[in-house]
PDB file of N, CA and C in Angstrom:
ATOM      1  N   MET A   1     -37.823  22.353   1.518  1.00  0.00           N
ATOM      2  CA  MET A   1     -36.568  21.961   2.113  1.00  0.00           C
ATOM      3  C   MET A   1     -35.829  21.020   1.187  1.00  0.00           C
ATOM      4  N   SER A   2     -34.579  21.232   1.062  1.00  0.00           N
ATOM      5  CA  SER A   2     -33.774  20.355   0.213  1.00  0.00           C
ATOM      6  C   SER A   2     -33.139  19.270   1.076  1.00  0.00           C
ATOM      7  N   GLU A   3     -33.048  18.103   0.484  1.00  0.00           N
ATOM      8  CA  GLU A   3     -32.427  16.984   1.190  1.00  0.00           C
ATOM      9  C   GLU A   3     -30.915  17.077   1.063  1.00  0.00           C
ATOM     10  N   ALA A   4     -30.244  16.767   2.133  1.00  0.00           N
ATOM     11  CA  ALA A   4     -28.788  16.788   2.111  1.00  0.00           C
ATOM     12  C   ALA A   4     -28.287  15.471   1.528  1.00  0.00           C
ATOM     13  N   THR A   5     -27.531  15.563   0.457  1.00  0.00           N
ATOM     14  CA  THR A   5     -26.939  14.365  -0.138  1.00  0.00           C
ATOM     15  C   THR A   5     -25.456  14.365   0.197  1.00  0.00           C
ATOM     16  N   PRO A   6     -24.900  13.194   0.451  1.00  0.00           N
ATOM     17  CA  PRO A   6     -23.478  13.150   0.770  1.00  0.00           C
ATOM     18  C   PRO A   6     -22.659  13.602  -0.431  1.00  0.00           C
ATOM     19  N   ALA A   7     -21.680  14.402  -0.147  1.00  0.00           N
ATOM     20  CA  ALA A   7     -20.818  14.911  -1.214  1.00  0.00           C
ATOM     21  C   ALA A   7     -19.879  13.803  -1.665  1.00  0.00           C
ATOM     22  N   GLU A   8     -19.911  13.502  -2.952  1.00  0.00           N
ATOM     23  CA  GLU A   8     -19.007  12.496  -3.492  1.00  0.00           C
ATOM     24  C   GLU A   8     -17.736  13.193  -3.938  1.00  0.00           C
ATOM     25  N   PRO A   9     -16.593  12.553  -3.712  1.00  0.00           N
ATOM     26  CA  PRO A   9     -15.344  13.170  -4.135  1.00  0.00           C
ATOM     27  C   PRO A   9     -15.287  13.274  -5.658  1.00  0.00           C
ATOM     28  N   SER A  10     -14.602  14.261  -6.129  1.00  0.00           N
ATOM     29  CA  SER A  10     -14.468  14.440  -7.571  1.00  0.00           C
ATOM     30  C   SER A  10     -13.611  13.309  -8.134  1.00  0.00           C
ATOM     31  N   PRO A  11     -13.748  13.023  -9.439  1.00  0.00           N
ATOM     32  CA  PRO A  11     -12.990  11.919 -10.032  1.00  0.00           C
ATOM     33  C   PRO A  11     -11.475  12.067  -9.887  1.00  0.00           C
ATOM     34  N   GLY A  12     -10.978  13.290  -9.814  1.00  0.00           N
ATOM     35  CA  GLY A  12      -9.541  13.505  -9.701  1.00  0.00           C
ATOM     36  C   GLY A  12      -9.031  13.526  -8.272  1.00  0.00           C
ATOM     37  N   ALA A  13      -9.918  13.391  -7.296  1.00  0.00           N
ATOM     38  CA  ALA A  13      -9.516  13.437  -5.889  1.00  0.00           C
ATOM     39  C   ALA A  13      -8.847  12.117  -5.495  1.00  0.00           C
ATOM     40  N   PRO A  14      -7.788  12.185  -4.694  1.00  0.00           N
ATOM     41  CA  PRO A  14      -7.132  10.949  -4.244  1.00  0.00           C
ATOM     42  C   PRO A  14      -8.075  10.104  -3.394  1.00  0.00           C
ATOM     43  N   ARG A  15      -8.024   8.804  -3.606  1.00  0.00           N
ATOM     44  CA  ARG A  15      -8.840   7.856  -2.841  1.00  0.00           C
ATOM     45  C   ARG A  15      -7.916   6.978  -2.020  1.00  0.00           C
ATOM     46  N   ARG A  16      -8.345   6.692  -0.803  1.00  0.00           N
ATOM     47  CA  ARG A  16      -7.566   5.867   0.107  1.00  0.00           C
ATOM     48  C   ARG A  16      -7.618   4.407  -0.350  1.00  0.00           C
ATOM     49  N   ARG A  17      -6.494   3.725  -0.321  1.00  0.00           N
ATOM     50  CA  ARG A  17      -6.430   2.297  -0.628  1.00  0.00           C
ATOM     51  C   ARG A  17      -6.576   1.522   0.674  1.00  0.00           C
ATOM     52  N   ARG A  18      -7.361   0.482   0.655  1.00  0.00           N
ATOM     53  CA  ARG A  18      -7.646  -0.307   1.852  1.00  0.00           C
ATOM     54  C   ARG A  18      -6.970  -1.672   1.736  1.00  0.00           C
ATOM     55  N   PRO A  19      -5.951  -1.923   2.558  1.00  0.00           N
ATOM     56  CA  PRO A  19      -5.249  -3.214   2.486  1.00  0.00           C
ATOM     57  C   PRO A  19      -6.174  -4.409   2.733  1.00  0.00           C
ATOM     58  N   TRP A  20      -7.151  -4.242   3.622  1.00  0.00           N
ATOM     59  CA  TRP A  20      -8.067  -5.343   3.930  1.00  0.00           C
ATOM     60  C   TRP A  20      -8.962  -5.682   2.742  1.00  0.00           C
ATOM     61  N   LEU A  21      -9.031  -4.802   1.743  1.00  0.00           N
ATOM     62  CA  LEU A  21      -9.794  -5.086   0.533  1.00  0.00           C
ATOM     63  C   LEU A  21      -8.885  -5.594  -0.587  1.00  0.00           C
ATOM     64  N   ALA A  22      -7.673  -5.070  -0.657  1.00  0.00           N
ATOM     65  CA  ALA A  22      -6.741  -5.459  -1.715  1.00  0.00           C
ATOM     66  C   ALA A  22      -6.354  -6.932  -1.612  1.00  0.00           C
ATOM     67  N   ALA A  23      -6.116  -7.414  -0.392  1.00  0.00           N
ATOM     68  CA  ALA A  23      -5.695  -8.808  -0.214  1.00  0.00           C
ATOM     69  C   ALA A  23      -6.770  -9.809  -0.643  1.00  0.00           C
ATOM     70  N   PRO A  24      -8.014  -9.690  -0.173  1.00  0.00           N
ATOM     71  CA  PRO A  24      -9.021 -10.663  -0.627  1.00  0.00           C
ATOM     72  C   PRO A  24      -9.317 -10.583  -2.124  1.00  0.00           C
ATOM     73  N   LEU A  25      -9.189  -9.388  -2.694  1.00  0.00           N
ATOM     74  CA  LEU A  25      -9.388  -9.280  -4.136  1.00  0.00           C
ATOM     75  C   LEU A  25      -8.374 -10.143  -4.877  1.00  0.00           C
ATOM     76  N   SER A  26      -7.121 -10.090  -4.426  1.00  0.00           N
ATOM     77  CA  SER A  26      -6.086 -10.905  -5.060  1.00  0.00           C
ATOM     78  C   SER A  26      -6.274 -12.381  -4.765  1.00  0.00           C
ATOM     79  N   LEU A  27      -6.866 -12.693  -3.643  1.00  0.00           N
ATOM     80  CA  LEU A  27      -7.114 -14.093  -3.310  1.00  0.00           C
ATOM     81  C   LEU A  27      -8.227 -14.660  -4.193  1.00  0.00           C
ATOM     82  N   LEU A  28      -9.253 -13.858  -4.455  1.00  0.00           N
ATOM     83  CA  LEU A  28     -10.360 -14.308  -5.300  1.00  0.00           C
ATOM     84  C   LEU A  28      -9.975 -14.395  -6.773  1.00  0.00           C
ATOM     85  N   TRP A  29      -9.191 -13.427  -7.243  1.00  0.00           N
ATOM     86  CA  TRP A  29      -8.763 -13.399  -8.641  1.00  0.00           C
ATOM     87  C   TRP A  29      -7.343 -12.858  -8.675  1.00  0.00           C
ATOM     88  N   PRO A  30      -6.356 -13.698  -8.957  1.00  0.00           N
ATOM     89  CA  PRO A  30      -4.965 -13.244  -8.947  1.00  0.00           C
ATOM     90  C   PRO A  30      -4.755 -12.016  -9.828  1.00  0.00           C
ATOM     91  N   GLY A  31      -4.181 -10.983  -9.239  1.00  0.00           N
ATOM     92  CA  GLY A  31      -3.917  -9.738  -9.955  1.00  0.00           C
ATOM     93  C   GLY A  31      -4.944  -8.650  -9.691  1.00  0.00           C
ATOM     94  N   ALA A  32      -6.115  -9.011  -9.145  1.00  0.00           N
ATOM     95  CA  ALA A  32      -7.157  -8.005  -8.913  1.00  0.00           C
ATOM     96  C   ALA A  32      -6.741  -7.006  -7.841  1.00  0.00           C
ATOM     97  N   GLY A  33      -5.998  -7.438  -6.843  1.00  0.00           N
ATOM     98  CA  GLY A  33      -5.511  -6.512  -5.814  1.00  0.00           C
ATOM     99  C   GLY A  33      -4.518  -5.515  -6.384  1.00  0.00           C
ATOM    100  N   GLN A  34      -3.710  -5.964  -7.332  1.00  0.00           N
ATOM    101  CA  GLN A  34      -2.773  -5.044  -7.983  1.00  0.00           C
ATOM    102  C   GLN A  34      -3.532  -4.034  -8.842  1.00  0.00           C
ATOM    103  N   LEU A  35      -4.586  -4.472  -9.518  1.00  0.00           N
ATOM    104  CA  LEU A  35      -5.417  -3.525 -10.278  1.00  0.00           C
ATOM    105  C   LEU A  35      -6.057  -2.510  -9.342  1.00  0.00           C
ATOM    106  N   TYR A  36      -6.543  -2.967  -8.206  1.00  0.00           N
ATOM    107  CA  TYR A  36      -7.136  -2.077  -7.203  1.00  0.00           C
ATOM    108  C   TYR A  36      -6.123  -1.021  -6.768  1.00  0.00           C
ATOM    109  N   ASN A  37      -4.854  -1.397  -6.695  1.00  0.00           N
ATOM    110  CA  ASN A  37      -3.804  -0.459  -6.291  1.00  0.00           C
ATOM    111  C   ASN A  37      -3.292   0.394  -7.444  1.00  0.00           C
ATOM    112  N   GLY A  38      -3.739   0.120  -8.660  1.00  0.00           N
ATOM    113  CA  GLY A  38      -3.325   0.921  -9.806  1.00  0.00           C
ATOM    114  C   GLY A  38      -2.075   0.407 -10.498  1.00  0.00           C
ATOM    115  N   GLU A  39      -1.730  -0.860 -10.290  1.00  0.00           N
ATOM    116  CA  GLU A  39      -0.541  -1.445 -10.896  1.00  0.00           C
ATOM    117  C   GLU A  39      -0.956  -2.456 -11.971  1.00  0.00           C
ATOM    118  N   ALA A  40      -1.321  -1.949 -13.133  1.00  0.00           N
ATOM    119  CA  ALA A  40      -1.870  -2.796 -14.191  1.00  0.00           C
ATOM    120  C   ALA A  40      -0.849  -3.796 -14.723  1.00  0.00           C
ATOM    121  N   CYS A  41       0.386  -3.378 -14.918  1.00  0.00           N
ATOM    122  CA  CYS A  41       1.405  -4.292 -15.457  1.00  0.00           C
ATOM    123  C   CYS A  41       1.703  -5.427 -14.490  1.00  0.00           C
ATOM    124  N   LYS A  42       1.795  -5.100 -13.212  1.00  0.00           N
ATOM    125  CA  LYS A  42       2.045  -6.134 -12.213  1.00  0.00           C
ATOM    126  C   LYS A  42       0.840  -7.069 -12.113  1.00  0.00           C
ATOM    127  N   ALA A  43      -0.366  -6.526 -12.232  1.00  0.00           N
ATOM    128  CA  ALA A  43      -1.576  -7.355 -12.207  1.00  0.00           C
ATOM    129  C   ALA A  43      -1.565  -8.344 -13.355  1.00  0.00           C
ATOM    130  N   LEU A  44      -1.196  -7.881 -14.526  1.00  0.00           N
ATOM    131  CA  LEU A  44      -1.130  -8.754 -15.693  1.00  0.00           C
ATOM    132  C   LEU A  44      -0.068  -9.834 -15.502  1.00  0.00           C
ATOM    133  N   ALA A  45       1.071  -9.481 -14.939  1.00  0.00           N
ATOM    134  CA  ALA A  45       2.143 -10.448 -14.718  1.00  0.00           C
ATOM    135  C   ALA A  45       1.728 -11.517 -13.708  1.00  0.00           C
ATOM    136  N   VAL A  46       1.089 -11.107 -12.608  1.00  0.00           N
ATOM    137  CA  VAL A  46       0.645 -12.072 -11.597  1.00  0.00           C
ATOM    138  C   VAL A  46      -0.406 -12.995 -12.190  1.00  0.00           C
ATOM    139  N   PHE A  47      -1.373 -12.432 -12.895  1.00  0.00           N
ATOM    140  CA  PHE A  47      -2.412 -13.270 -13.491  1.00  0.00           C
ATOM    141  C   PHE A  47      -1.841 -14.209 -14.548  1.00  0.00           C
ATOM    142  N   ALA A  48      -0.939 -13.711 -15.389  1.00  0.00           N
ATOM    143  CA  ALA A  48      -0.349 -14.539 -16.447  1.00  0.00           C
ATOM    144  C   ALA A  48       0.450 -15.694 -15.848  1.00  0.00           C
ATOM    145  N   ALA A  49       1.210 -15.433 -14.794  1.00  0.00           N
ATOM    146  CA  ALA A  49       1.984 -16.496 -14.148  1.00  0.00           C
ATOM    147  C   ALA A  49       1.053 -17.542 -13.550  1.00  0.00           C
ATOM    148  N   TRP A  50       0.015 -17.089 -12.857  1.00  0.00           N
ATOM    149  CA  TRP A  50      -0.946 -18.016 -12.247  1.00  0.00           C
ATOM    150  C   TRP A  50      -1.673 -18.841 -13.308  1.00  0.00           C
ATOM    151  N   ALA A  51      -2.154 -18.186 -14.346  1.00  0.00           N
ATOM    152  CA  ALA A  51      -2.902 -18.882 -15.395  1.00  0.00           C
ATOM    153  C   ALA A  51      -2.020 -19.859 -16.160  1.00  0.00           C
ATOM    154  N   THR A  52      -0.787 -19.474 -16.443  1.00  0.00           N
ATOM    155  CA  THR A  52       0.134 -20.361 -17.149  1.00  0.00           C
ATOM    156  C   THR A  52       0.412 -21.617 -16.334  1.00  0.00           C
ATOM    157  N   LEU A  53       0.707 -21.432 -15.051  1.00  0.00           N
ATOM    158  CA  LEU A  53       0.971 -22.587 -14.194  1.00  0.00           C
ATOM    159  C   LEU A  53      -0.262 -23.480 -14.052  1.00  0.00           C
ATOM    160  N   ALA A  54      -1.423 -22.867 -13.954  1.00  0.00           N
ATOM    161  CA  ALA A  54      -2.659 -23.659 -13.850  1.00  0.00           C
ATOM    162  C   ALA A  54      -2.891 -24.464 -15.129  1.00  0.00           C
ATOM    163  N   CYS A  55      -2.651 -23.873 -16.277  1.00  0.00           N
ATOM    164  CA  CYS A  55      -2.812 -24.597 -17.545  1.00  0.00           C
ATOM    165  C   CYS A  55      -1.795 -25.728 -17.668  1.00  0.00           C
ATOM    166  N   VAL A  56      -0.558 -25.474 -17.244  1.00  0.00           N
ATOM    167  CA  VAL A  56       0.461 -26.521 -17.271  1.00  0.00           C
ATOM    168  C   VAL A  56       0.057 -27.670 -16.349  1.00  0.00           C
ATOM    169  N   LEU A  57      -0.472 -27.338 -15.173  1.00  0.00           N
ATOM    170  CA  LEU A  57      -0.922 -28.370 -14.233  1.00  0.00           C
ATOM    171  C   LEU A  57      -2.024 -29.225 -14.848  1.00  0.00           C
ATOM    172  N   VAL A  58      -3.005 -28.597 -15.445  1.00  0.00           N
ATOM    173  CA  VAL A  58      -4.111 -29.340 -16.056  1.00  0.00           C
ATOM    174  C   VAL A  58      -3.600 -30.193 -17.222  1.00  0.00           C
ATOM    175  N   GLY A  59      -2.799 -29.588 -18.071  1.00  0.00           N
ATOM    176  CA  GLY A  59      -2.270 -30.327 -19.219  1.00  0.00           C
ATOM    177  C   GLY A  59      -1.395 -31.497 -18.802  1.00  0.00           C
ATOM    178  N   PHE A  60      -0.534 -31.261 -17.814  1.00  0.00           N
ATOM    179  CA  PHE A  60       0.343 -32.329 -17.347  1.00  0.00           C
ATOM    180  C   PHE A  60      -0.455 -33.456 -16.697  1.00  0.00           C
ATOM    181  N   SER A  61      -1.472 -33.097 -15.938  1.00  0.00           N
ATOM    182  CA  SER A  61      -2.261 -34.135 -15.270  1.00  0.00           C
ATOM    183  C   SER A  61      -3.056 -34.972 -16.274  1.00  0.00           C
ATOM    184  N   ILE A  62      -3.337 -34.421 -17.442  1.00  0.00           N
ATOM    185  CA  ILE A  62      -4.060 -35.170 -18.471  1.00  0.00           C
ATOM    186  C   ILE A  62      -3.138 -36.163 -19.178  1.00  0.00           C
ATOM    187  N   VAL A  63      -1.919 -35.745 -19.497  1.00  0.00           N
ATOM    188  CA  VAL A  63      -1.027 -36.587 -20.306  1.00  0.00           C
ATOM    189  C   VAL A  63      -0.022 -37.381 -19.483  1.00  0.00           C
ATOM    190  N   ALA A  64       0.075 -37.152 -18.197  1.00  0.00           N
ATOM    191  CA  ALA A  64       1.100 -37.804 -17.385  1.00  0.00           C
ATOM    192  C   ALA A  64       0.819 -39.288 -17.196  1.00  0.00           C
ATOM    193  N   VAL A  65       1.894 -40.027 -17.145  1.00  0.00           N
ATOM    194  CA  VAL A  65       1.825 -41.451 -16.847  1.00  0.00           C
ATOM    195  C   VAL A  65       1.938 -41.601 -15.327  1.00  0.00           C
ATOM    196  N   PRO A  66       1.043 -42.353 -14.695  1.00  0.00           N
ATOM    197  CA  PRO A  66       1.098 -42.484 -13.236  1.00  0.00           C
ATOM    198  C   PRO A  66       2.437 -43.050 -12.761  1.00  0.00           C
ATOM    199  N   GLY A  67       2.936 -42.452 -11.709  1.00  0.00           N
ATOM    200  CA  GLY A  67       4.197 -42.901 -11.135  1.00  0.00           C
ATOM    201  C   GLY A  67       4.700 -41.892 -10.121  1.00  0.00           C
ATOM    202  N   PRO A  68       5.782 -42.211  -9.439  1.00  0.00           N
ATOM    203  CA  PRO A  68       6.286 -41.323  -8.398  1.00  0.00           C
ATOM    204  C   PRO A  68       6.783 -39.977  -8.943  1.00  0.00           C
ATOM    205  N   THR A  69       7.371 -39.981 -10.106  1.00  0.00           N
ATOM    206  CA  THR A  69       7.848 -38.722 -10.696  1.00  0.00           C
ATOM    207  C   THR A  69       6.676 -37.802 -11.012  1.00  0.00           C
ATOM    208  N   THR A  70       5.616 -38.375 -11.500  1.00  0.00           N
ATOM    209  CA  THR A  70       4.414 -37.593 -11.822  1.00  0.00           C
ATOM    210  C   THR A  70       3.865 -36.924 -10.570  1.00  0.00           C
ATOM    211  N   ILE A  71       3.836 -37.646  -9.477  1.00  0.00           N
ATOM    212  CA  ILE A  71       3.320 -37.081  -8.224  1.00  0.00           C
ATOM    213  C   ILE A  71       4.190 -35.928  -7.760  1.00  0.00           C
ATOM    214  N   VAL A  72       5.498 -36.084  -7.857  1.00  0.00           N
ATOM    215  CA  VAL A  72       6.416 -35.002  -7.451  1.00  0.00           C
ATOM    216  C   VAL A  72       6.198 -33.771  -8.323  1.00  0.00           C
ATOM    217  N   VAL A  73       6.091 -33.969  -9.628  1.00  0.00           N
ATOM    218  CA  VAL A  73       5.878 -32.837 -10.537  1.00  0.00           C
ATOM    219  C   VAL A  73       4.555 -32.141 -10.234  1.00  0.00           C
ATOM    220  N   LEU A  74       3.512 -32.913  -9.977  1.00  0.00           N
ATOM    221  CA  LEU A  74       2.209 -32.312  -9.642  1.00  0.00           C
ATOM    222  C   LEU A  74       2.289 -31.503  -8.354  1.00  0.00           C
ATOM    223  N   TYR A  75       2.974 -32.032  -7.337  1.00  0.00           N
ATOM    224  CA  TYR A  75       3.138 -31.287  -6.089  1.00  0.00           C
ATOM    225  C   TYR A  75       3.928 -29.993  -6.306  1.00  0.00           C
ATOM    226  N   VAL A  76       4.956 -30.057  -7.135  1.00  0.00           N
ATOM    227  CA  VAL A  76       5.750 -28.857  -7.419  1.00  0.00           C
ATOM    228  C   VAL A  76       4.895 -27.815  -8.137  1.00  0.00           C
ATOM    229  N   LEU A  77       4.103 -28.242  -9.104  1.00  0.00           N
ATOM    230  CA  LEU A  77       3.237 -27.302  -9.825  1.00  0.00           C
ATOM    231  C   LEU A  77       2.193 -26.675  -8.895  1.00  0.00           C
ATOM    232  N   VAL A  78       1.594 -27.473  -8.027  1.00  0.00           N
ATOM    233  CA  VAL A  78       0.621 -26.936  -7.074  1.00  0.00           C
ATOM    234  C   VAL A  78       1.302 -25.950  -6.130  1.00  0.00           C
ATOM    235  N   ALA A  79       2.505 -26.267  -5.679  1.00  0.00           N
ATOM    236  CA  ALA A  79       3.244 -25.355  -4.797  1.00  0.00           C
ATOM    237  C   ALA A  79       3.559 -24.038  -5.515  1.00  0.00           C
ATOM    238  N   LEU A  80       3.928 -24.106  -6.778  1.00  0.00           N
ATOM    239  CA  LEU A  80       4.207 -22.886  -7.546  1.00  0.00           C
ATOM    240  C   LEU A  80       2.944 -22.047  -7.724  1.00  0.00           C
ATOM    241  N   ILE A  81       1.828 -22.694  -8.006  1.00  0.00           N
ATOM    242  CA  ILE A  81       0.560 -21.972  -8.163  1.00  0.00           C
ATOM    243  C   ILE A  81       0.188 -21.271  -6.862  1.00  0.00           C
ATOM    244  N   LEU A  82       0.287 -21.996  -5.749  1.00  0.00           N
ATOM    245  CA  LEU A  82      -0.011 -21.380  -4.445  1.00  0.00           C
ATOM    246  C   LEU A  82       0.981 -20.274  -4.108  1.00  0.00           C
ATOM    247  N   GLY A  83       2.236 -20.451  -4.493  1.00  0.00           N
ATOM    248  CA  GLY A  83       3.246 -19.414  -4.262  1.00  0.00           C
ATOM    249  C   GLY A  83       2.923 -18.126  -5.001  1.00  0.00           C
ATOM    250  N   VAL A  84       2.537 -18.248  -6.267  1.00  0.00           N
ATOM    251  CA  VAL A  84       2.161 -17.063  -7.049  1.00  0.00           C
ATOM    252  C   VAL A  84       0.931 -16.403  -6.439  1.00  0.00           C
ATOM    253  N   LEU A  85      -0.038 -17.216  -6.036  1.00  0.00           N
ATOM    254  CA  LEU A  85      -1.260 -16.679  -5.421  1.00  0.00           C
ATOM    255  C   LEU A  85      -0.946 -15.933  -4.126  1.00  0.00           C
ATOM    256  N   LEU A  86      -0.146 -16.537  -3.259  1.00  0.00           N
ATOM    257  CA  LEU A  86       0.207 -15.895  -1.987  1.00  0.00           C
ATOM    258  C   LEU A  86       1.084 -14.662  -2.188  1.00  0.00           C
ATOM    259  N   TYR A  87       1.967 -14.703  -3.195  1.00  0.00           N
ATOM    260  CA  TYR A  87       2.750 -13.507  -3.515  1.00  0.00           C
ATOM    261  C   TYR A  87       1.820 -12.359  -3.901  1.00  0.00           C
ATOM    262  N   GLY A  88       0.844 -12.644  -4.750  1.00  0.00           N
ATOM    263  CA  GLY A  88      -0.097 -11.607  -5.185  1.00  0.00           C
ATOM    264  C   GLY A  88      -0.882 -11.023  -4.023  1.00  0.00           C
ATOM    265  N   VAL A  89      -1.325 -11.868  -3.095  1.00  0.00           N
ATOM    266  CA  VAL A  89      -2.079 -11.406  -1.931  1.00  0.00           C
ATOM    267  C   VAL A  89      -1.194 -10.525  -1.053  1.00  0.00           C
ATOM    268  N   GLY A  90       0.004 -11.004  -0.742  1.00  0.00           N
ATOM    269  CA  GLY A  90       0.914 -10.241   0.114  1.00  0.00           C
ATOM    270  C   GLY A  90       1.350  -8.934  -0.513  1.00  0.00           C
ATOM    271  N   ASP A  91       1.647  -8.973  -1.807  1.00  0.00           N
ATOM    272  CA  ASP A  91       2.074  -7.758  -2.498  1.00  0.00           C
ATOM    273  C   ASP A  91       0.945  -6.733  -2.551  1.00  0.00           C
ATOM    274  N   ALA A  92      -0.264  -7.172  -2.832  1.00  0.00           N
ATOM    275  CA  ALA A  92      -1.405  -6.246  -2.882  1.00  0.00           C
ATOM    276  C   ALA A  92      -1.627  -5.600  -1.522  1.00  0.00           C
ATOM    277  N   PHE A  93      -1.538  -6.389  -0.455  1.00  0.00           N
ATOM    278  CA  PHE A  93      -1.722  -5.866   0.897  1.00  0.00           C
ATOM    279  C   PHE A  93      -0.637  -4.833   1.234  1.00  0.00           C
ATOM    280  N   ARG A  94       0.624  -5.190   0.988  1.00  0.00           N
ATOM    281  CA  ARG A  94       1.738  -4.267   1.303  1.00  0.00           C
ATOM    282  C   ARG A  94       1.648  -2.975   0.502  1.00  0.00           C
ATOM    283  N   GLN A  95       1.357  -3.102  -0.789  1.00  0.00           N
ATOM    284  CA  GLN A  95       1.278  -1.905  -1.624  1.00  0.00           C
ATOM    285  C   GLN A  95       0.113  -1.007  -1.214  1.00  0.00           C
ATOM    286  N   ALA A  96      -1.024  -1.589  -0.893  1.00  0.00           N
ATOM    287  CA  ALA A  96      -2.180  -0.781  -0.474  1.00  0.00           C
ATOM    288  C   ALA A  96      -1.863  -0.046   0.825  1.00  0.00           C
ATOM    289  N   ARG A  97      -1.161  -0.699   1.732  1.00  0.00           N
ATOM    290  CA  ARG A  97      -0.788  -0.048   2.986  1.00  0.00           C
ATOM    291  C   ARG A  97       0.238   1.053   2.746  1.00  0.00           C
ATOM    292  N   ARG A  98       1.147   0.825   1.796  1.00  0.00           N
ATOM    293  CA  ARG A  98       2.200   1.797   1.495  1.00  0.00           C
ATOM    294  C   ARG A  98       1.667   3.003   0.718  1.00  0.00           C
ATOM    295  N   LEU A  99       0.711   2.779  -0.166  1.00  0.00           N
ATOM    296  CA  LEU A  99       0.219   3.850  -1.042  1.00  0.00           C
ATOM    297  C   LEU A  99      -0.615   4.894  -0.311  1.00  0.00           C
ATOM    298  N   LYS A 100      -1.364   4.504   0.681  1.00  0.00           N
ATOM    299  CA  LYS A 100      -2.313   5.383   1.394  1.00  0.00           C
ATOM    300  C   LYS A 100      -3.427   5.837   0.455  1.00  0.00           C
ATOM    301  N   ALA A 101      -3.198   6.884  -0.353  1.00  0.00           N
ATOM    302  CA  ALA A 101      -4.244   7.403  -1.244  1.00  0.00           C
ATOM    303  C   ALA A 101      -3.673   7.616  -2.643  1.00  0.00           C
ATOM    304  N   VAL A 102      -4.475   7.314  -3.656  1.00  0.00           N
ATOM    305  CA  VAL A 102      -4.053   7.484  -5.045  1.00  0.00           C
ATOM    306  C   VAL A 102      -5.166   8.141  -5.843  1.00  0.00           C
ATOM    307  N   VAL A 103      -4.775   8.798  -6.911  1.00  0.00           N
ATOM    308  CA  VAL A 103      -5.756   9.319  -7.858  1.00  0.00           C
ATOM    309  C   VAL A 103      -6.141   8.140  -8.749  1.00  0.00           C
ATOM    310  N   LEU A 104      -7.428   7.854  -8.826  1.00  0.00           N
ATOM    311  CA  LEU A 104      -7.893   6.677  -9.551  1.00  0.00           C
ATOM    312  C   LEU A 104      -7.665   6.816 -11.052  1.00  0.00           C
ATOM    313  N   LYS A 105      -7.220   5.716 -11.650  1.00  0.00           N
ATOM    314  CA  LYS A 105      -7.077   5.671 -13.094  1.00  0.00           C
ATOM    315  C   LYS A 105      -8.404   5.259 -13.706  1.00  0.00           C
ATOM    316  N   ARG A 106      -8.499   5.332 -14.992  1.00  0.00           N
ATOM    317  CA  ARG A 106      -9.757   5.067 -15.679  1.00  0.00           C
ATOM    318  C   ARG A 106     -10.301   3.671 -15.380  1.00  0.00           C
ATOM    319  N   TYR A 107      -9.423   2.668 -15.371  1.00  0.00           N
ATOM    320  CA  TYR A 107      -9.869   1.294 -15.162  1.00  0.00           C
ATOM    321  C   TYR A 107     -10.196   0.987 -13.708  1.00  0.00           C
ATOM    322  N   GLN A 108      -9.892   1.892 -12.773  1.00  0.00           N
ATOM    323  CA  GLN A 108     -10.182   1.657 -11.356  1.00  0.00           C
ATOM    324  C   GLN A 108     -11.549   2.184 -10.948  1.00  0.00           C
ATOM    325  N   ARG A 109     -12.203   2.901 -11.800  1.00  0.00           N
ATOM    326  CA  ARG A 109     -13.512   3.455 -11.443  1.00  0.00           C
ATOM    327  C   ARG A 109     -14.608   2.474 -11.812  1.00  0.00           C
ATOM    328  N   ALA A 110     -15.380   2.109 -10.821  1.00  0.00           N
ATOM    329  CA  ALA A 110     -16.458   1.151 -11.101  1.00  0.00           C
ATOM    330  C   ALA A 110     -17.780   1.702 -10.596  1.00  0.00           C
TER     331      ALA A 110
END
């Protein structure tokens, strides 16, 4: 008797995108939800914006002179970082819901 193995879809078959997976991926690593959805350029842009702002925040906090202006600038930078992060999460969720199913690209196969 042969054992029944579940049939795996072929590599070219469309795969359903799951919004509940795309959003946490972007929350854990900015841009990962966009990669999951097949939007490599947008993933790179989201990650680059997040990483640039994070580096500016770290650099500014190292060289800044304590004072009220410094605190305002730090709050603005943190707000921008959170804004980019939340944009990435929301965009990944919306796109995954809108796409339904896509043919996986080479970098999406794991």
